[in-house]
Amino acid sequence: MKLNGPAAAKLFARPDPSVPAVLIFGADPMRVAMKRQEILANILGPKGEEEMRLTRLPASDLRKDGAALLDAVKAISFFPGPRAVFVEDATDGLTDVMAIALSEWREGDAQIIATAGELKASSKLRKLFEGHRVAAAAALYDDPPTRESIAAELARAGLKEAPPDVMNDLLALGRELSPGDFRQTIEKLALYKLNDPAPILAADIEAVAPATVDTEIDEALHAVAERNSRALGPLLQRLSAQGVAPVTLLIMVARHFRALHAGAADPEGPMAGFQRMRPPVFGPRRDRMIRQAKEWGAGALENALTQILETDLALRSAGQTAPAMALVERLLIRLAMTRK
């Protein structure tokens, strides 16, 4: 039988012992591995591998010895409890081996969990599982996580349900990160909130989200956008001492001011503009950028972007003789001293 969406999620969370085999396939190996890990953990329990109730059979071994699958399915464990056989990297070449195991399977035998890469609709292995009366085939697609799946991840990590605004941040983060990175971020969030009864805040997500910009560069950008020329000088000195390239700094400034312009020019306001941004902006940093966008306004930000573009062209000019860092520093100071 063919499973999609909620039906597949229900099977992964509460495996049916009467289902002899489940084929999990998809283009993203991480998604497939995570779902395989989830269903095996729910079949075997926390001590399944310790009690040797799990048998791993690589597809390469089954091609040499097809009978090994049926032997593993029928084998009797030393320990009581449900058993499983994990077949990794299954292909159409194992269709006949799987068909024999399915036909010989009886209740009480080990359940077969097979994983595969992307399988076309014409795949023999996929047709076997989708056309079987009891066995299941679950296709995993590169869809971003839903509110329901994020709520399930939070519950699995022992976290309370997030408020609506925080859930929006998690949805945006889920669209940007791979499934494995997103799950690790949720786990980091659980550790960060350990023994903390307070609800999840946007600042908590910002604290555990993967960093995208170096901290001191980020502070320099905020100093420029907040017209804090007094704080900008020491920051530029430290960045220069660290060997940050002038072109890198200019690119980051251009990116920051383009983001502010997108927020200021958004017809629904800066908040909506920053929520649609890729990568997303979270918590206090987002609040800070909203204030910056409102203080500058779209017109002033367009003028600032023009100055940034002129400096970029000057750096690329063959006849430029002034030091590159001096040009960039002068631009940043000029922007920081712009009147409100």
C-alpha atoms as a PDB file:
ATOM      1  CA  MET A   1       0.000   0.000   0.000  1.00  0.00           C
ATOM      2  CA  LYS A   2       1.073   3.557  -0.689  1.00  0.00           C
ATOM      3  CA  LEU A   3       1.443   5.946   2.245  1.00  0.00           C
ATOM      4  CA  ASN A   4       1.752   9.723   2.090  1.00  0.00           C
ATOM      5  CA  GLY A   5       1.692  12.575   4.573  1.00  0.00           C
ATOM      6  CA  PRO A   6      -0.233  11.943   7.803  1.00  0.00           C
ATOM      7  CA  ALA A   7      -0.664   8.208   7.146  1.00  0.00           C
ATOM      8  CA  ALA A   8       3.098   7.725   6.808  1.00  0.00           C
ATOM      9  CA  ALA A   9       3.792   9.889   9.879  1.00  0.00           C
ATOM     10  CA  LYS A  10       1.305   7.790  11.885  1.00  0.00           C
ATOM     11  CA  LEU A  11       3.044   4.562  10.837  1.00  0.00           C
ATOM     12  CA  PHE A  12       6.494   5.932  11.718  1.00  0.00           C
ATOM     13  CA  ALA A  13       5.280   7.051  15.157  1.00  0.00           C
ATOM     14  CA  ARG A  14       3.193   3.931  15.950  1.00  0.00           C
ATOM     15  CA  PRO A  15       4.332   1.001  13.800  1.00  0.00           C
ATOM     16  CA  ASP A  16       1.719  -1.670  13.177  1.00  0.00           C
ATOM     17  CA  PRO A  17       3.132  -5.138  14.064  1.00  0.00           C
ATOM     18  CA  SER A  18       0.886  -6.683  11.384  1.00  0.00           C
ATOM     19  CA  VAL A  19       2.731  -4.759   8.617  1.00  0.00           C
ATOM     20  CA  PRO A  20       5.448  -7.127   7.387  1.00  0.00           C
ATOM     21  CA  ALA A  21       7.647  -4.547   5.650  1.00  0.00           C
ATOM     22  CA  VAL A  22       8.007  -0.823   5.049  1.00  0.00           C
ATOM     23  CA  LEU A  23       9.930   0.732   2.160  1.00  0.00           C
ATOM     24  CA  ILE A  24      11.139   4.287   2.853  1.00  0.00           C
ATOM     25  CA  PHE A  25      12.558   6.105  -0.164  1.00  0.00           C
ATOM     26  CA  GLY A  26      13.390   9.634  -1.267  1.00  0.00           C
ATOM     27  CA  ALA A  27      15.996  11.881  -2.862  1.00  0.00           C
ATOM     28  CA  ASP A  28      17.298  13.278   0.453  1.00  0.00           C
ATOM     29  CA  PRO A  29      19.338  10.617   2.322  1.00  0.00           C
ATOM     30  CA  MET A  30      19.055  12.544   5.591  1.00  0.00           C
ATOM     31  CA  ARG A  31      15.246  12.552   5.514  1.00  0.00           C
ATOM     32  CA  VAL A  32      15.213   8.838   4.750  1.00  0.00           C
ATOM     33  CA  ALA A  33      17.729   8.077   7.517  1.00  0.00           C
ATOM     34  CA  MET A  34      15.771  10.075  10.095  1.00  0.00           C
ATOM     35  CA  LYS A  35      12.481   8.316   9.327  1.00  0.00           C
ATOM     36  CA  ARG A  36      14.197   4.921   9.282  1.00  0.00           C
ATOM     37  CA  GLN A  37      15.714   5.686  12.670  1.00  0.00           C
ATOM     38  CA  GLU A  38      12.330   6.809  14.013  1.00  0.00           C
ATOM     39  CA  ILE A  39      10.383   3.728  12.934  1.00  0.00           C
ATOM     40  CA  LEU A  40      13.082   1.301  14.103  1.00  0.00           C
ATOM     41  CA  ALA A  41      13.238   2.991  17.510  1.00  0.00           C
ATOM     42  CA  ASN A  42       9.458   2.724  17.836  1.00  0.00           C
ATOM     43  CA  ILE A  43       9.434  -0.940  16.779  1.00  0.00           C
ATOM     44  CA  LEU A  44      12.329  -2.135  18.947  1.00  0.00           C
ATOM     45  CA  GLY A  45      12.224   0.207  21.927  1.00  0.00           C
ATOM     46  CA  PRO A  46      15.254   1.771  23.629  1.00  0.00           C
ATOM     47  CA  LYS A  47      17.204  -1.503  24.066  1.00  0.00           C
ATOM     48  CA  GLY A  48      16.524  -3.168  20.741  1.00  0.00           C
ATOM     49  CA  GLU A  49      20.081  -3.079  19.431  1.00  0.00           C
ATOM     50  CA  GLU A  50      21.579  -3.992  22.818  1.00  0.00           C
ATOM     51  CA  GLU A  51      19.375  -7.075  22.906  1.00  0.00           C
ATOM     52  CA  MET A  52      20.342  -7.990  19.338  1.00  0.00           C
ATOM     53  CA  ARG A  53      16.778  -7.736  18.047  1.00  0.00           C
ATOM     54  CA  LEU A  54      17.922  -5.738  15.003  1.00  0.00           C
ATOM     55  CA  THR A  55      19.638  -7.310  11.992  1.00  0.00           C
ATOM     56  CA  ARG A  56      21.349  -5.048   9.453  1.00  0.00           C
ATOM     57  CA  LEU A  57      21.636  -6.346   5.890  1.00  0.00           C
ATOM     58  CA  PRO A  58      23.311  -4.114   3.286  1.00  0.00           C
ATOM     59  CA  ALA A  59      21.856  -4.505  -0.194  1.00  0.00           C
ATOM     60  CA  SER A  60      25.278  -5.579  -1.504  1.00  0.00           C
ATOM     61  CA  ASP A  61      25.215  -8.638   0.809  1.00  0.00           C
ATOM     62  CA  LEU A  62      21.705  -9.618  -0.273  1.00  0.00           C
ATOM     63  CA  ARG A  63      22.711  -9.559  -3.934  1.00  0.00           C
ATOM     64  CA  LYS A  64      25.248 -12.272  -3.126  1.00  0.00           C
ATOM     65  CA  ASP A  65      23.025 -14.245  -0.750  1.00  0.00           C
ATOM     66  CA  GLY A  66      19.323 -13.567  -1.270  1.00  0.00           C
ATOM     67  CA  ALA A  67      18.296 -16.212   1.265  1.00  0.00           C
ATOM     68  CA  ALA A  68      19.865 -14.159   4.069  1.00  0.00           C
ATOM     69  CA  LEU A  69      16.818 -11.903   4.221  1.00  0.00           C
ATOM     70  CA  LEU A  70      14.329 -14.712   4.833  1.00  0.00           C
ATOM     71  CA  ASP A  71      16.726 -16.317   7.334  1.00  0.00           C
ATOM     72  CA  ALA A  72      16.933 -13.049   9.280  1.00  0.00           C
ATOM     73  CA  VAL A  73      13.146 -12.617   9.197  1.00  0.00           C
ATOM     74  CA  LYS A  74      12.564 -16.119  10.589  1.00  0.00           C
ATOM     75  CA  ALA A  75      15.450 -16.136  13.089  1.00  0.00           C
ATOM     76  CA  ILE A  76      14.612 -16.425  16.799  1.00  0.00           C
ATOM     77  CA  SER A  77      16.176 -13.923  19.182  1.00  0.00           C
ATOM     78  CA  PHE A  78      17.724 -14.737  22.555  1.00  0.00           C
ATOM     79  CA  PHE A  79      15.706 -11.870  24.052  1.00  0.00           C
ATOM     80  CA  PRO A  80      11.928 -11.448  24.015  1.00  0.00           C
ATOM     81  CA  GLY A  81      10.383  -8.585  22.118  1.00  0.00           C
ATOM     82  CA  PRO A  82       9.716  -7.413  18.560  1.00  0.00           C
ATOM     83  CA  ARG A  83      12.484  -7.839  15.969  1.00  0.00           C
ATOM     84  CA  ALA A  84      13.377  -5.965  12.798  1.00  0.00           C
ATOM     85  CA  VAL A  85      15.567  -6.425   9.738  1.00  0.00           C
ATOM     86  CA  PHE A  86      17.031  -3.267   8.216  1.00  0.00           C
ATOM     87  CA  VAL A  87      17.897  -3.427   4.497  1.00  0.00           C
ATOM     88  CA  GLU A  88      19.937  -0.412   3.415  1.00  0.00           C
ATOM     89  CA  ASP A  89      20.219   1.000  -0.133  1.00  0.00           C
ATOM     90  CA  ALA A  90      17.649  -1.339  -1.647  1.00  0.00           C
ATOM     91  CA  THR A  91      17.257  -1.303  -5.453  1.00  0.00           C
ATOM     92  CA  ASP A  92      15.116  -2.972  -8.088  1.00  0.00           C
ATOM     93  CA  GLY A  93      17.608  -5.831  -8.120  1.00  0.00           C
ATOM     94  CA  LEU A  94      16.224  -6.979  -4.750  1.00  0.00           C
ATOM     95  CA  THR A  95      12.590  -7.090  -5.886  1.00  0.00           C
ATOM     96  CA  ASP A  96      12.466 -10.903  -6.147  1.00  0.00           C
ATOM     97  CA  VAL A  97      14.233 -11.337  -2.786  1.00  0.00           C
ATOM     98  CA  MET A  98      11.729  -8.968  -1.144  1.00  0.00           C
ATOM     99  CA  ALA A  99       8.793 -10.684  -2.818  1.00  0.00           C
ATOM    100  CA  ILE A 100       9.826 -14.083  -1.412  1.00  0.00           C
ATOM    101  CA  ALA A 101      10.283 -12.636   2.092  1.00  0.00           C
ATOM    102  CA  LEU A 102       6.855 -10.966   1.945  1.00  0.00           C
ATOM    103  CA  SER A 103       5.147 -14.142   0.777  1.00  0.00           C
ATOM    104  CA  GLU A 104       6.748 -16.197   3.570  1.00  0.00           C
ATOM    105  CA  TRP A 105       6.233 -13.627   6.332  1.00  0.00           C
ATOM    106  CA  ARG A 106       4.026 -14.614   9.238  1.00  0.00           C
ATOM    107  CA  GLU A 107       2.922 -12.713  12.321  1.00  0.00           C
ATOM    108  CA  GLY A 108       5.697 -12.832  14.920  1.00  0.00           C
ATOM    109  CA  ASP A 109       8.462 -12.697  12.317  1.00  0.00           C
ATOM    110  CA  ALA A 110      10.849  -9.754  12.180  1.00  0.00           C
ATOM    111  CA  GLN A 111       9.516  -6.688  10.377  1.00  0.00           C
ATOM    112  CA  ILE A 112      11.493  -5.550   7.328  1.00  0.00           C
ATOM    113  CA  ILE A 113      12.472  -1.888   7.098  1.00  0.00           C
ATOM    114  CA  ALA A 114      14.057  -1.106   3.731  1.00  0.00           C
ATOM    115  CA  THR A 115      15.465   2.233   2.598  1.00  0.00           C
ATOM    116  CA  ALA A 116      16.213   3.412  -0.920  1.00  0.00           C
ATOM    117  CA  GLY A 117      17.086   6.524  -2.858  1.00  0.00           C
ATOM    118  CA  GLU A 118      14.737   8.199  -5.307  1.00  0.00           C
ATOM    119  CA  LEU A 119      12.591   5.568  -7.058  1.00  0.00           C
ATOM    120  CA  LYS A 120      10.636   6.281 -10.230  1.00  0.00           C
ATOM    121  CA  ALA A 121       6.986   5.305 -10.529  1.00  0.00           C
ATOM    122  CA  SER A 122       8.081   2.500 -12.860  1.00  0.00           C
ATOM    123  CA  SER A 123      10.424   1.005 -10.242  1.00  0.00           C
ATOM    124  CA  LYS A 124       9.753  -2.731  -9.698  1.00  0.00           C
ATOM    125  CA  LEU A 125      10.626  -2.488  -6.001  1.00  0.00           C
ATOM    126  CA  ARG A 126       8.306   0.457  -5.488  1.00  0.00           C
ATOM    127  CA  LYS A 127       5.478  -1.274  -7.373  1.00  0.00           C
ATOM    128  CA  LEU A 128       5.930  -4.388  -5.207  1.00  0.00           C
ATOM    129  CA  PHE A 129       5.428  -2.474  -1.965  1.00  0.00           C
ATOM    130  CA  GLU A 130       2.739  -0.094  -3.237  1.00  0.00           C
ATOM    131  CA  GLY A 131       0.752  -2.956  -4.742  1.00  0.00           C
ATOM    132  CA  HIS A 132       1.067  -5.244  -1.725  1.00  0.00           C
ATOM    133  CA  ARG A 133      -2.025  -5.721   0.432  1.00  0.00           C
ATOM    134  CA  VAL A 134      -0.251  -5.130   3.757  1.00  0.00           C
ATOM    135  CA  ALA A 135       3.342  -3.946   3.156  1.00  0.00           C
ATOM    136  CA  ALA A 136       3.794  -0.180   2.925  1.00  0.00           C
ATOM    137  CA  ALA A 137       5.793   2.225   0.760  1.00  0.00           C
ATOM    138  CA  ALA A 138       6.433   5.775   2.015  1.00  0.00           C
ATOM    139  CA  ALA A 139       7.904   8.391  -0.321  1.00  0.00           C
ATOM    140  CA  LEU A 140       9.702  11.333   1.315  1.00  0.00           C
ATOM    141  CA  TYR A 141       9.809  14.600  -0.599  1.00  0.00           C
ATOM    142  CA  ASP A 142      11.808  17.776   0.011  1.00  0.00           C
ATOM    143  CA  ASP A 143       8.844  19.625   1.486  1.00  0.00           C
ATOM    144  CA  PRO A 144       9.532  22.103   4.321  1.00  0.00           C
ATOM    145  CA  PRO A 145       8.333  21.060   7.787  1.00  0.00           C
ATOM    146  CA  THR A 146       4.747  21.858   8.684  1.00  0.00           C
ATOM    147  CA  ARG A 147       3.424  23.260  11.947  1.00  0.00           C
ATOM    148  CA  GLU A 148       2.310  19.781  12.921  1.00  0.00           C
ATOM    149  CA  SER A 149       5.712  18.210  12.266  1.00  0.00           C
ATOM    150  CA  ILE A 150       7.514  21.018  14.145  1.00  0.00           C
ATOM    151  CA  ALA A 151       5.116  20.619  17.084  1.00  0.00           C
ATOM    152  CA  ALA A 152       5.911  16.893  17.068  1.00  0.00           C
ATOM    153  CA  GLU A 153       9.670  17.638  17.049  1.00  0.00           C
ATOM    154  CA  LEU A 154       9.238  20.027  19.984  1.00  0.00           C
ATOM    155  CA  ALA A 155       7.243  17.431  21.909  1.00  0.00           C
ATOM    156  CA  ARG A 156       9.826  14.742  21.158  1.00  0.00           C
ATOM    157  CA  ALA A 157      12.520  17.056  22.550  1.00  0.00           C
ATOM    158  CA  GLY A 158      10.464  17.676  25.692  1.00  0.00           C
ATOM    159  CA  LEU A 159       9.557  21.281  24.830  1.00  0.00           C
ATOM    160  CA  LYS A 160       6.205  22.982  25.201  1.00  0.00           C
ATOM    161  CA  GLU A 161       4.332  24.140  22.132  1.00  0.00           C
ATOM    162  CA  ALA A 162       5.767  27.405  20.809  1.00  0.00           C
ATOM    163  CA  PRO A 163       3.730  30.648  20.691  1.00  0.00           C
ATOM    164  CA  PRO A 164       2.463  31.625  17.195  1.00  0.00           C
ATOM    165  CA  ASP A 165       5.195  34.207  16.497  1.00  0.00           C
ATOM    166  CA  VAL A 166       7.923  31.777  17.573  1.00  0.00           C
ATOM    167  CA  MET A 167       6.348  29.022  15.459  1.00  0.00           C
ATOM    168  CA  ASN A 168       6.580  31.356  12.445  1.00  0.00           C
ATOM    169  CA  ASP A 169      10.317  31.736  13.124  1.00  0.00           C
ATOM    170  CA  LEU A 170      10.710  27.961  13.360  1.00  0.00           C
ATOM    171  CA  LEU A 171       8.828  27.486  10.085  1.00  0.00           C
ATOM    172  CA  ALA A 172      11.136  29.974   8.375  1.00  0.00           C
ATOM    173  CA  LEU A 173      14.189  28.257   9.865  1.00  0.00           C
ATOM    174  CA  GLY A 174      12.901  24.858   8.749  1.00  0.00           C
ATOM    175  CA  ARG A 175      12.711  26.097   5.158  1.00  0.00           C
ATOM    176  CA  GLU A 176      16.376  27.107   5.235  1.00  0.00           C
ATOM    177  CA  LEU A 177      18.003  24.202   7.084  1.00  0.00           C
ATOM    178  CA  SER A 178      18.350  20.578   6.073  1.00  0.00           C
ATOM    179  CA  PRO A 179      16.222  18.119   8.097  1.00  0.00           C
ATOM    180  CA  GLY A 180      19.250  16.941  10.088  1.00  0.00           C
ATOM    181  CA  ASP A 181      20.408  20.475  10.910  1.00  0.00           C
ATOM    182  CA  PHE A 182      16.865  21.463  11.865  1.00  0.00           C
ATOM    183  CA  ARG A 183      16.521  18.502  14.236  1.00  0.00           C
ATOM    184  CA  GLN A 184      19.912  19.340  15.797  1.00  0.00           C
ATOM    185  CA  THR A 185      18.734  22.930  16.287  1.00  0.00           C
ATOM    186  CA  ILE A 186      15.600  21.678  18.079  1.00  0.00           C
ATOM    187  CA  GLU A 187      17.782  19.457  20.284  1.00  0.00           C
ATOM    188  CA  LYS A 188      20.052  22.415  21.074  1.00  0.00           C
ATOM    189  CA  LEU A 189      16.956  24.436  21.917  1.00  0.00           C
ATOM    190  CA  ALA A 190      15.826  21.686  24.313  1.00  0.00           C
ATOM    191  CA  LEU A 191      19.202  21.785  26.079  1.00  0.00           C
ATOM    192  CA  TYR A 192      19.139  25.580  26.128  1.00  0.00           C
ATOM    193  CA  LYS A 193      15.664  25.529  27.769  1.00  0.00           C
ATOM    194  CA  LEU A 194      16.444  22.670  30.168  1.00  0.00           C
ATOM    195  CA  ASN A 195      14.626  23.227  33.491  1.00  0.00           C
ATOM    196  CA  ASP A 196      13.317  26.556  32.182  1.00  0.00           C
ATOM    197  CA  PRO A 197       9.495  26.660  32.541  1.00  0.00           C
ATOM    198  CA  ALA A 198       9.181  29.913  30.573  1.00  0.00           C
ATOM    199  CA  PRO A 199       7.709  29.672  27.052  1.00  0.00           C
ATOM    200  CA  ILE A 200      10.052  29.623  24.065  1.00  0.00           C
ATOM    201  CA  LEU A 201      11.022  33.107  22.901  1.00  0.00           C
ATOM    202  CA  ALA A 202      12.386  34.352  19.595  1.00  0.00           C
ATOM    203  CA  ALA A 203      15.616  35.198  21.428  1.00  0.00           C
ATOM    204  CA  ASP A 204      15.992  31.526  22.387  1.00  0.00           C
ATOM    205  CA  ILE A 205      15.829  30.492  18.726  1.00  0.00           C
ATOM    206  CA  GLU A 206      18.350  33.151  17.780  1.00  0.00           C
ATOM    207  CA  ALA A 207      20.702  31.840  20.470  1.00  0.00           C
ATOM    208  CA  VAL A 208      20.751  28.291  19.073  1.00  0.00           C
ATOM    209  CA  ALA A 209      20.224  28.896  15.333  1.00  0.00           C
ATOM    210  CA  PRO A 210      23.295  28.284  13.136  1.00  0.00           C
ATOM    211  CA  ALA A 211      25.324  31.454  12.842  1.00  0.00           C
ATOM    212  CA  THR A 212      25.378  33.066   9.409  1.00  0.00           C
ATOM    213  CA  VAL A 213      27.459  36.193  10.060  1.00  0.00           C
ATOM    214  CA  ASP A 214      30.556  36.754  12.150  1.00  0.00           C
ATOM    215  CA  THR A 215      29.618  38.489  15.395  1.00  0.00           C
ATOM    216  CA  GLU A 216      31.923  41.501  15.094  1.00  0.00           C
ATOM    217  CA  ILE A 217      31.004  42.099  11.449  1.00  0.00           C
ATOM    218  CA  ASP A 218      27.367  41.953  12.495  1.00  0.00           C
ATOM    219  CA  GLU A 219      27.972  44.502  15.258  1.00  0.00           C
ATOM    220  CA  ALA A 220      29.760  46.786  12.796  1.00  0.00           C
ATOM    221  CA  LEU A 221      26.788  46.598  10.422  1.00  0.00           C
ATOM    222  CA  HIS A 222      24.404  47.484  13.240  1.00  0.00           C
ATOM    223  CA  ALA A 223      26.636  50.365  14.300  1.00  0.00           C
ATOM    224  CA  VAL A 224      26.500  51.776  10.762  1.00  0.00           C
ATOM    225  CA  ALA A 225      22.743  51.290  10.422  1.00  0.00           C
ATOM    226  CA  GLU A 226      22.121  52.831  13.854  1.00  0.00           C
ATOM    227  CA  ARG A 227      24.399  55.782  13.024  1.00  0.00           C
ATOM    228  CA  ASN A 228      26.646  54.975  15.974  1.00  0.00           C
ATOM    229  CA  SER A 229      29.924  56.334  14.602  1.00  0.00           C
ATOM    230  CA  ARG A 230      31.534  56.316  18.061  1.00  0.00           C
ATOM    231  CA  ALA A 231      31.192  52.522  18.384  1.00  0.00           C
ATOM    232  CA  LEU A 232      32.091  51.940  14.729  1.00  0.00           C
ATOM    233  CA  GLY A 233      35.740  53.078  14.966  1.00  0.00           C
ATOM    234  CA  PRO A 234      36.976  50.399  17.423  1.00  0.00           C
ATOM    235  CA  LEU A 235      34.999  47.718  15.580  1.00  0.00           C
ATOM    236  CA  LEU A 236      36.649  48.599  12.271  1.00  0.00           C
ATOM    237  CA  GLN A 237      40.075  48.514  13.903  1.00  0.00           C
ATOM    238  CA  ARG A 238      39.446  45.022  15.252  1.00  0.00           C
ATOM    239  CA  LEU A 239      38.112  43.766  11.909  1.00  0.00           C
ATOM    240  CA  SER A 240      41.148  45.157  10.093  1.00  0.00           C
ATOM    241  CA  ALA A 241      43.479  43.514  12.641  1.00  0.00           C
ATOM    242  CA  GLN A 242      41.683  40.187  12.120  1.00  0.00           C
ATOM    243  CA  GLY A 243      42.410  40.383   8.409  1.00  0.00           C
ATOM    244  CA  VAL A 244      38.830  40.798   7.183  1.00  0.00           C
ATOM    245  CA  ALA A 245      39.008  41.626   3.467  1.00  0.00           C
ATOM    246  CA  PRO A 246      37.581  45.013   2.415  1.00  0.00           C
ATOM    247  CA  VAL A 247      35.526  43.376  -0.331  1.00  0.00           C
ATOM    248  CA  THR A 248      34.015  40.949   2.208  1.00  0.00           C
ATOM    249  CA  LEU A 249      33.054  43.815   4.495  1.00  0.00           C
ATOM    250  CA  LEU A 250      31.546  45.776   1.597  1.00  0.00           C
ATOM    251  CA  ILE A 251      29.502  42.759   0.474  1.00  0.00           C
ATOM    252  CA  MET A 252      28.138  42.307   4.002  1.00  0.00           C
ATOM    253  CA  VAL A 253      27.231  46.001   4.259  1.00  0.00           C
ATOM    254  CA  ALA A 254      25.462  45.880   0.905  1.00  0.00           C
ATOM    255  CA  ARG A 255      23.544  42.779   1.966  1.00  0.00           C
ATOM    256  CA  HIS A 256      22.500  44.374   5.267  1.00  0.00           C
ATOM    257  CA  PHE A 257      21.282  47.601   3.644  1.00  0.00           C
ATOM    258  CA  ARG A 258      19.459  45.707   0.887  1.00  0.00           C
ATOM    259  CA  ALA A 259      17.669  43.754   3.619  1.00  0.00           C
ATOM    260  CA  LEU A 260      16.753  46.997   5.401  1.00  0.00           C
ATOM    261  CA  HIS A 261      15.483  48.459   2.119  1.00  0.00           C
ATOM    262  CA  ALA A 262      13.380  45.355   1.440  1.00  0.00           C
ATOM    263  CA  GLY A 263      11.839  45.699   4.897  1.00  0.00           C
ATOM    264  CA  ALA A 264      11.261  49.449   4.600  1.00  0.00           C
ATOM    265  CA  ALA A 265       9.721  49.146   1.125  1.00  0.00           C
ATOM    266  CA  ASP A 266       7.472  46.184   1.926  1.00  0.00           C
ATOM    267  CA  PRO A 267       3.802  47.272   1.632  1.00  0.00           C
ATOM    268  CA  GLU A 268       2.911  45.182   4.709  1.00  0.00           C
ATOM    269  CA  GLY A 269       5.681  46.726   6.824  1.00  0.00           C
ATOM    270  CA  PRO A 270       9.216  45.725   7.902  1.00  0.00           C
ATOM    271  CA  MET A 271       8.020  42.788  10.045  1.00  0.00           C
ATOM    272  CA  ALA A 272       6.395  41.074   7.050  1.00  0.00           C
ATOM    273  CA  GLY A 273       9.391  41.895   4.875  1.00  0.00           C
ATOM    274  CA  PHE A 274      11.870  40.316   7.287  1.00  0.00           C
ATOM    275  CA  GLN A 275       9.673  37.218   7.752  1.00  0.00           C
ATOM    276  CA  ARG A 276       9.853  36.590   4.002  1.00  0.00           C
ATOM    277  CA  MET A 277      13.612  37.107   3.924  1.00  0.00           C
ATOM    278  CA  ARG A 278      16.004  34.247   3.077  1.00  0.00           C
ATOM    279  CA  PRO A 279      17.804  33.439   5.270  1.00  0.00           C
ATOM    280  CA  PRO A 280      15.273  34.457   7.922  1.00  0.00           C
ATOM    281  CA  VAL A 281      16.032  36.968  10.679  1.00  0.00           C
ATOM    282  CA  PHE A 282      15.171  36.047  14.273  1.00  0.00           C
ATOM    283  CA  GLY A 283      14.496  37.576  17.647  1.00  0.00           C
ATOM    284  CA  PRO A 284      16.319  40.661  18.911  1.00  0.00           C
ATOM    285  CA  ARG A 285      18.316  40.969  15.663  1.00  0.00           C
ATOM    286  CA  ARG A 286      15.072  41.184  13.701  1.00  0.00           C
ATOM    287  CA  ASP A 287      13.643  43.753  16.139  1.00  0.00           C
ATOM    288  CA  ARG A 288      16.839  45.749  15.803  1.00  0.00           C
ATOM    289  CA  MET A 289      16.668  45.701  12.003  1.00  0.00           C
ATOM    290  CA  ILE A 290      12.991  46.691  12.071  1.00  0.00           C
ATOM    291  CA  ARG A 291      13.925  49.802  14.073  1.00  0.00           C
ATOM    292  CA  GLN A 292      16.749  50.562  11.642  1.00  0.00           C
ATOM    293  CA  ALA A 293      14.483  50.220   8.606  1.00  0.00           C
ATOM    294  CA  LYS A 294      11.882  52.540  10.145  1.00  0.00           C
ATOM    295  CA  GLU A 295      14.475  55.162  11.124  1.00  0.00           C
ATOM    296  CA  TRP A 296      16.116  55.258   7.693  1.00  0.00           C
ATOM    297  CA  GLY A 297      13.078  54.909   5.437  1.00  0.00           C
ATOM    298  CA  ALA A 298      13.124  53.563   1.884  1.00  0.00           C
ATOM    299  CA  GLY A 299      14.389  56.799   0.301  1.00  0.00           C
ATOM    300  CA  ALA A 300      17.416  57.233   2.576  1.00  0.00           C
ATOM    301  CA  LEU A 301      18.262  53.555   2.211  1.00  0.00           C
ATOM    302  CA  GLU A 302      18.234  53.895  -1.579  1.00  0.00           C
ATOM    303  CA  ASN A 303      20.754  56.746  -1.261  1.00  0.00           C
ATOM    304  CA  ALA A 304      22.901  54.587   1.025  1.00  0.00           C
ATOM    305  CA  LEU A 305      22.799  51.725  -1.492  1.00  0.00           C
ATOM    306  CA  THR A 306      23.889  54.134  -4.213  1.00  0.00           C
ATOM    307  CA  GLN A 307      26.945  55.131  -2.147  1.00  0.00           C
ATOM    308  CA  ILE A 308      27.730  51.455  -1.498  1.00  0.00           C
ATOM    309  CA  LEU A 309      27.531  50.718  -5.234  1.00  0.00           C
ATOM    310  CA  GLU A 310      29.815  53.652  -6.058  1.00  0.00           C
ATOM    311  CA  THR A 311      32.398  52.402  -3.564  1.00  0.00           C
ATOM    312  CA  ASP A 312      32.143  48.906  -5.037  1.00  0.00           C
ATOM    313  CA  LEU A 313      32.807  50.303  -8.529  1.00  0.00           C
ATOM    314  CA  ALA A 314      35.758  52.303  -7.187  1.00  0.00           C
ATOM    315  CA  LEU A 315      37.282  49.148  -5.672  1.00  0.00           C
ATOM    316  CA  ARG A 316      36.964  47.386  -9.020  1.00  0.00           C
ATOM    317  CA  SER A 317      38.428  50.299 -10.973  1.00  0.00           C
ATOM    318  CA  ALA A 318      41.815  49.608 -12.565  1.00  0.00           C
ATOM    319  CA  GLY A 319      42.999  53.141 -11.843  1.00  0.00           C
ATOM    320  CA  GLN A 320      42.199  53.057  -8.126  1.00  0.00           C
ATOM    321  CA  THR A 321      45.230  53.984  -6.013  1.00  0.00           C
ATOM    322  CA  ALA A 322      43.722  54.535  -2.547  1.00  0.00           C
ATOM    323  CA  PRO A 323      43.905  51.564  -0.113  1.00  0.00           C
ATOM    324  CA  ALA A 324      40.809  49.394  -0.400  1.00  0.00           C
ATOM    325  CA  MET A 325      40.156  49.234   3.351  1.00  0.00           C
ATOM    326  CA  ALA A 326      40.412  53.020   3.601  1.00  0.00           C
ATOM    327  CA  LEU A 327      37.699  53.396   0.950  1.00  0.00           C
ATOM    328  CA  VAL A 328      35.385  50.985   2.753  1.00  0.00           C
ATOM    329  CA  GLU A 329      36.025  52.550   6.166  1.00  0.00           C
ATOM    330  CA  ARG A 330      35.331  56.014   4.779  1.00  0.00           C
ATOM    331  CA  LEU A 331      32.038  54.770   3.304  1.00  0.00           C
ATOM    332  CA  LEU A 332      30.940  53.202   6.598  1.00  0.00           C
ATOM    333  CA  ILE A 333      31.813  56.285   8.627  1.00  0.00           C
ATOM    334  CA  ARG A 334      29.988  58.490   6.113  1.00  0.00           C
ATOM    335  CA  LEU A 335      26.884  56.307   6.374  1.00  0.00           C
ATOM    336  CA  ALA A 336      27.103  56.218  10.173  1.00  0.00           C
ATOM    337  CA  MET A 337      27.233  60.030  10.269  1.00  0.00           C
ATOM    338  CA  THR A 338      24.224  60.471   7.978  1.00  0.00           C
ATOM    339  CA  ARG A 339      21.662  62.715   9.607  1.00  0.00           C
ATOM    340  CA  LYS A 340      18.356  61.203  10.634  1.00  0.00           C
END
